[in-house]
Amino acid sequence: MKFSDAIIATVSLILFGLILHAFLFVAFGSIAANETSDSLSFVIAILVISLIVGYVFASKIQEQSRIKAIGLIVVLSAFTMLVFISIWIANGFAYPWFKDSLNSTFNRTTWTDYDLEGYAALNVSFLVIIYMVLSFIGLYIGSIIRKTPAKTKE
């Protein structure tokens, strides 16, 4: 698998994953509570899109070691996701969400801004780890499902 193929797979994984996540969030939002629908749509979107991208890029993934190719795609997409989430948090877009989430969960009267930043970093790290595990599983299964023609030796 060439690096350019890994970039295309990464962009496909992130872009279509975000689109599916948004649709599922709206669909599940009317069924479940806000936090439940967000988590559920996140997990389902990652697994479904990873399966599809793994299936579509199966021939490219199997050109070299499957684990190395999938690992490259997962690391690139996790790094991209980490950068986007960090920019989102650093610019204050996530502050109202964190504030509401924390106020409903913890007594924050003695918390400082440093504590809030630590909570945000922990939350982002947890999301990225879950993303890496689920996307690796989805890409691996998707690449196994598609049968590619056997390579002939010349």
C-alpha atoms as a PDB file:
ATOM      1  CA  MET A   1       0.000   0.000   0.000  1.00  0.00           C
ATOM      2  CA  LYS A   2       1.391   3.344  -1.009  1.00  0.00           C
ATOM      3  CA  PHE A   3       1.268   6.304   1.334  1.00  0.00           C
ATOM      4  CA  SER A   4      -1.103   8.107  -1.056  1.00  0.00           C
ATOM      5  CA  ASP A   5      -3.531   5.165  -0.804  1.00  0.00           C
ATOM      6  CA  ALA A   6      -3.361   5.399   2.981  1.00  0.00           C
ATOM      7  CA  ILE A   7      -4.135   9.134   2.794  1.00  0.00           C
ATOM      8  CA  ILE A   8      -7.167   8.499   0.584  1.00  0.00           C
ATOM      9  CA  ALA A   9      -8.399   5.749   2.926  1.00  0.00           C
ATOM     10  CA  THR A  10      -7.875   8.051   5.925  1.00  0.00           C
ATOM     11  CA  VAL A  11      -9.801  10.916   4.323  1.00  0.00           C
ATOM     12  CA  SER A  12     -12.592   8.518   3.357  1.00  0.00           C
ATOM     13  CA  LEU A  13     -12.725   7.102   6.875  1.00  0.00           C
ATOM     14  CA  ILE A  14     -12.900  10.512   8.547  1.00  0.00           C
ATOM     15  CA  LEU A  15     -15.181  12.296   6.084  1.00  0.00           C
ATOM     16  CA  PHE A  16     -17.783   9.562   5.681  1.00  0.00           C
ATOM     17  CA  GLY A  17     -17.528   8.735   9.382  1.00  0.00           C
ATOM     18  CA  LEU A  18     -18.423  12.299  10.328  1.00  0.00           C
ATOM     19  CA  ILE A  19     -21.331  12.362   7.878  1.00  0.00           C
ATOM     20  CA  LEU A  20     -22.728   9.049   9.147  1.00  0.00           C
ATOM     21  CA  HIS A  21     -22.169  10.113  12.755  1.00  0.00           C
ATOM     22  CA  ALA A  22     -24.191  13.285  12.169  1.00  0.00           C
ATOM     23  CA  PHE A  23     -27.071  11.393  10.557  1.00  0.00           C
ATOM     24  CA  LEU A  24     -27.116   8.745  13.274  1.00  0.00           C
ATOM     25  CA  PHE A  25     -26.937  11.389  16.003  1.00  0.00           C
ATOM     26  CA  VAL A  26     -30.043  13.063  14.612  1.00  0.00           C
ATOM     27  CA  ALA A  27     -31.795   9.706  14.168  1.00  0.00           C
ATOM     28  CA  PHE A  28     -30.968   8.437  17.656  1.00  0.00           C
ATOM     29  CA  GLY A  29     -31.535  11.835  19.251  1.00  0.00           C
ATOM     30  CA  SER A  30     -35.270  11.390  19.102  1.00  0.00           C
ATOM     31  CA  ILE A  31     -35.026   7.887  20.579  1.00  0.00           C
ATOM     32  CA  ALA A  32     -32.510   8.226  23.424  1.00  0.00           C
ATOM     33  CA  ALA A  33     -31.064  10.902  25.663  1.00  0.00           C
ATOM     34  CA  ASN A  34     -28.457  13.264  24.204  1.00  0.00           C
ATOM     35  CA  GLU A  35     -25.337  11.631  25.651  1.00  0.00           C
ATOM     36  CA  THR A  36     -26.549   8.137  24.851  1.00  0.00           C
ATOM     37  CA  SER A  37     -27.362   8.995  21.240  1.00  0.00           C
ATOM     38  CA  ASP A  38     -23.975  10.672  20.774  1.00  0.00           C
ATOM     39  CA  SER A  39     -22.047   7.669  22.088  1.00  0.00           C
ATOM     40  CA  LEU A  40     -24.187   5.165  20.223  1.00  0.00           C
ATOM     41  CA  SER A  41     -23.931   7.031  16.922  1.00  0.00           C
ATOM     42  CA  PHE A  42     -20.148   7.427  17.392  1.00  0.00           C
ATOM     43  CA  VAL A  43     -19.589   3.689  17.863  1.00  0.00           C
ATOM     44  CA  ILE A  44     -21.917   2.588  15.070  1.00  0.00           C
ATOM     45  CA  ALA A  45     -20.520   5.158  12.616  1.00  0.00           C
ATOM     46  CA  ILE A  46     -16.929   4.087  13.265  1.00  0.00           C
ATOM     47  CA  LEU A  47     -17.666   0.396  12.860  1.00  0.00           C
ATOM     48  CA  VAL A  48     -19.827   0.736   9.740  1.00  0.00           C
ATOM     49  CA  ILE A  49     -17.527   3.159   7.921  1.00  0.00           C
ATOM     50  CA  SER A  50     -14.433   1.153   8.894  1.00  0.00           C
ATOM     51  CA  LEU A  51     -16.018  -1.998   7.493  1.00  0.00           C
ATOM     52  CA  ILE A  52     -16.865  -0.200   4.249  1.00  0.00           C
ATOM     53  CA  VAL A  53     -13.435   1.425   3.868  1.00  0.00           C
ATOM     54  CA  GLY A  54     -11.741  -1.895   4.698  1.00  0.00           C
ATOM     55  CA  TYR A  55     -13.851  -3.627   2.078  1.00  0.00           C
ATOM     56  CA  VAL A  56     -13.227  -0.980  -0.596  1.00  0.00           C
ATOM     57  CA  PHE A  57      -9.471  -0.763   0.034  1.00  0.00           C
ATOM     58  CA  ALA A  58      -8.981  -4.525   0.635  1.00  0.00           C
ATOM     59  CA  SER A  59      -6.816  -5.060  -2.431  1.00  0.00           C
ATOM     60  CA  LYS A  60      -4.560  -2.143  -1.480  1.00  0.00           C
ATOM     61  CA  ILE A  61      -4.420  -3.263   2.149  1.00  0.00           C
ATOM     62  CA  GLN A  62      -3.386  -6.787   1.138  1.00  0.00           C
ATOM     63  CA  GLU A  63      -0.527  -5.580  -1.087  1.00  0.00           C
ATOM     64  CA  GLN A  64       1.711  -5.536   1.954  1.00  0.00           C
ATOM     65  CA  SER A  65       1.273  -6.722   5.514  1.00  0.00           C
ATOM     66  CA  ARG A  66      -2.381  -6.265   6.461  1.00  0.00           C
ATOM     67  CA  ILE A  67      -1.561  -5.200  10.012  1.00  0.00           C
ATOM     68  CA  LYS A  68       0.945  -2.563   8.840  1.00  0.00           C
ATOM     69  CA  ALA A  69      -1.420  -1.092   6.256  1.00  0.00           C
ATOM     70  CA  ILE A  70      -4.379  -0.969   8.644  1.00  0.00           C
ATOM     71  CA  GLY A  71      -2.151   0.398  11.398  1.00  0.00           C
ATOM     72  CA  LEU A  72      -0.982   3.205   9.115  1.00  0.00           C
ATOM     73  CA  ILE A  73      -4.569   4.148   8.232  1.00  0.00           C
ATOM     74  CA  VAL A  74      -5.658   4.025  11.881  1.00  0.00           C
ATOM     75  CA  VAL A  75      -2.727   6.111  13.142  1.00  0.00           C
ATOM     76  CA  LEU A  76      -3.165   8.731  10.402  1.00  0.00           C
ATOM     77  CA  SER A  77      -6.900   9.028  11.033  1.00  0.00           C
ATOM     78  CA  ALA A  78      -6.469   9.105  14.830  1.00  0.00           C
ATOM     79  CA  PHE A  79      -3.841  11.841  14.519  1.00  0.00           C
ATOM     80  CA  THR A  80      -6.131  13.852  12.245  1.00  0.00           C
ATOM     81  CA  MET A  81      -9.040  13.363  14.631  1.00  0.00           C
ATOM     82  CA  LEU A  82      -6.868  14.416  17.580  1.00  0.00           C
ATOM     83  CA  VAL A  83      -5.796  17.601  15.800  1.00  0.00           C
ATOM     84  CA  PHE A  84      -9.363  18.553  14.857  1.00  0.00           C
ATOM     85  CA  ILE A  85     -10.734  17.865  18.351  1.00  0.00           C
ATOM     86  CA  SER A  86      -7.873  19.800  19.952  1.00  0.00           C
ATOM     87  CA  ILE A  87      -8.566  22.810  17.721  1.00  0.00           C
ATOM     88  CA  TRP A  88     -12.271  22.523  18.538  1.00  0.00           C
ATOM     89  CA  ILE A  89     -11.576  22.517  22.280  1.00  0.00           C
ATOM     90  CA  ALA A  90      -8.839  25.173  22.157  1.00  0.00           C
ATOM     91  CA  ASN A  91     -11.116  27.647  20.382  1.00  0.00           C
ATOM     92  CA  GLY A  92     -13.828  27.282  22.998  1.00  0.00           C
ATOM     93  CA  PHE A  93     -16.419  25.636  20.776  1.00  0.00           C
ATOM     94  CA  ALA A  94     -16.682  22.702  23.175  1.00  0.00           C
ATOM     95  CA  TYR A  95     -16.794  24.764  26.364  1.00  0.00           C
ATOM     96  CA  PRO A  96     -20.616  24.950  26.662  1.00  0.00           C
ATOM     97  CA  TRP A  97     -20.854  21.187  26.126  1.00  0.00           C
ATOM     98  CA  PHE A  98     -18.144  20.457  28.711  1.00  0.00           C
ATOM     99  CA  LYS A  99     -19.694  22.902  31.159  1.00  0.00           C
ATOM    100  CA  ASP A 100     -23.168  21.342  30.891  1.00  0.00           C
ATOM    101  CA  SER A 101     -21.775  17.822  31.016  1.00  0.00           C
ATOM    102  CA  LEU A 102     -19.625  18.545  34.053  1.00  0.00           C
ATOM    103  CA  ASN A 103     -22.301  20.462  35.946  1.00  0.00           C
ATOM    104  CA  SER A 104     -24.715  17.567  35.573  1.00  0.00           C
ATOM    105  CA  THR A 105     -22.082  15.035  36.648  1.00  0.00           C
ATOM    106  CA  PHE A 106     -19.773  16.665  39.204  1.00  0.00           C
ATOM    107  CA  ASN A 107     -19.793  19.344  41.840  1.00  0.00           C
ATOM    108  CA  ARG A 108     -17.333  21.765  40.211  1.00  0.00           C
ATOM    109  CA  THR A 109     -17.355  24.580  42.760  1.00  0.00           C
ATOM    110  CA  THR A 110     -13.694  24.032  43.660  1.00  0.00           C
ATOM    111  CA  TRP A 111     -12.453  23.279  40.143  1.00  0.00           C
ATOM    112  CA  THR A 112      -9.981  25.545  38.415  1.00  0.00           C
ATOM    113  CA  ASP A 113      -9.454  26.049  34.681  1.00  0.00           C
ATOM    114  CA  TYR A 114      -6.537  23.635  34.941  1.00  0.00           C
ATOM    115  CA  ASP A 115      -8.919  20.919  36.152  1.00  0.00           C
ATOM    116  CA  LEU A 116     -11.276  21.590  33.255  1.00  0.00           C
ATOM    117  CA  GLU A 117      -8.397  21.346  30.766  1.00  0.00           C
ATOM    118  CA  GLY A 118      -7.309  18.072  32.354  1.00  0.00           C
ATOM    119  CA  TYR A 119     -10.821  16.693  32.044  1.00  0.00           C
ATOM    120  CA  ALA A 120     -10.952  17.776  28.398  1.00  0.00           C
ATOM    121  CA  ALA A 121      -7.585  16.140  27.656  1.00  0.00           C
ATOM    122  CA  LEU A 122      -8.654  12.918  29.353  1.00  0.00           C
ATOM    123  CA  ASN A 123     -11.927  12.904  27.436  1.00  0.00           C
ATOM    124  CA  VAL A 124     -10.185  13.475  24.092  1.00  0.00           C
ATOM    125  CA  SER A 125      -7.607  10.767  24.833  1.00  0.00           C
ATOM    126  CA  PHE A 126     -10.352   8.307  25.675  1.00  0.00           C
ATOM    127  CA  LEU A 127     -12.248   9.136  22.458  1.00  0.00           C
ATOM    128  CA  VAL A 128      -9.135   8.703  20.317  1.00  0.00           C
ATOM    129  CA  ILE A 129      -8.280   5.345  21.918  1.00  0.00           C
ATOM    130  CA  ILE A 130     -11.830   4.073  21.353  1.00  0.00           C
ATOM    131  CA  TYR A 131     -11.667   5.380  17.785  1.00  0.00           C
ATOM    132  CA  MET A 132      -8.379   3.575  17.115  1.00  0.00           C
ATOM    133  CA  VAL A 133      -9.592   0.251  18.486  1.00  0.00           C
ATOM    134  CA  LEU A 134     -12.954   0.291  16.713  1.00  0.00           C
ATOM    135  CA  SER A 135     -11.558   1.500  13.390  1.00  0.00           C
ATOM    136  CA  PHE A 136      -8.800  -1.136  13.495  1.00  0.00           C
ATOM    137  CA  ILE A 137     -11.375  -3.872  14.101  1.00  0.00           C
ATOM    138  CA  GLY A 138     -13.652  -2.556  11.348  1.00  0.00           C
ATOM    139  CA  LEU A 139     -10.853  -2.151   8.797  1.00  0.00           C
ATOM    140  CA  TYR A 140      -9.476  -5.616   9.553  1.00  0.00           C
ATOM    141  CA  ILE A 141     -12.841  -7.349   9.255  1.00  0.00           C
ATOM    142  CA  GLY A 142     -13.735  -5.330   6.146  1.00  0.00           C
ATOM    143  CA  SER A 143     -10.494  -6.304   4.442  1.00  0.00           C
ATOM    144  CA  ILE A 144     -11.013  -9.979   5.324  1.00  0.00           C
ATOM    145  CA  ILE A 145     -14.595 -10.045   3.991  1.00  0.00           C
ATOM    146  CA  ARG A 146     -13.564  -9.102   0.472  1.00  0.00           C
ATOM    147  CA  LYS A 147     -11.848 -11.899  -1.358  1.00  0.00           C
ATOM    148  CA  THR A 148      -9.112 -10.595  -3.608  1.00  0.00           C
ATOM    149  CA  PRO A 149      -7.724 -12.675  -6.449  1.00  0.00           C
ATOM    150  CA  ALA A 150      -4.649 -14.683  -5.560  1.00  0.00           C
ATOM    151  CA  LYS A 151      -1.336 -13.242  -6.659  1.00  0.00           C
ATOM    152  CA  THR A 152       0.362 -15.159  -9.425  1.00  0.00           C
ATOM    153  CA  LYS A 153       4.098 -15.584  -9.442  1.00  0.00           C
ATOM    154  CA  GLU A 154       5.779 -14.760 -12.713  1.00  0.00           C
END
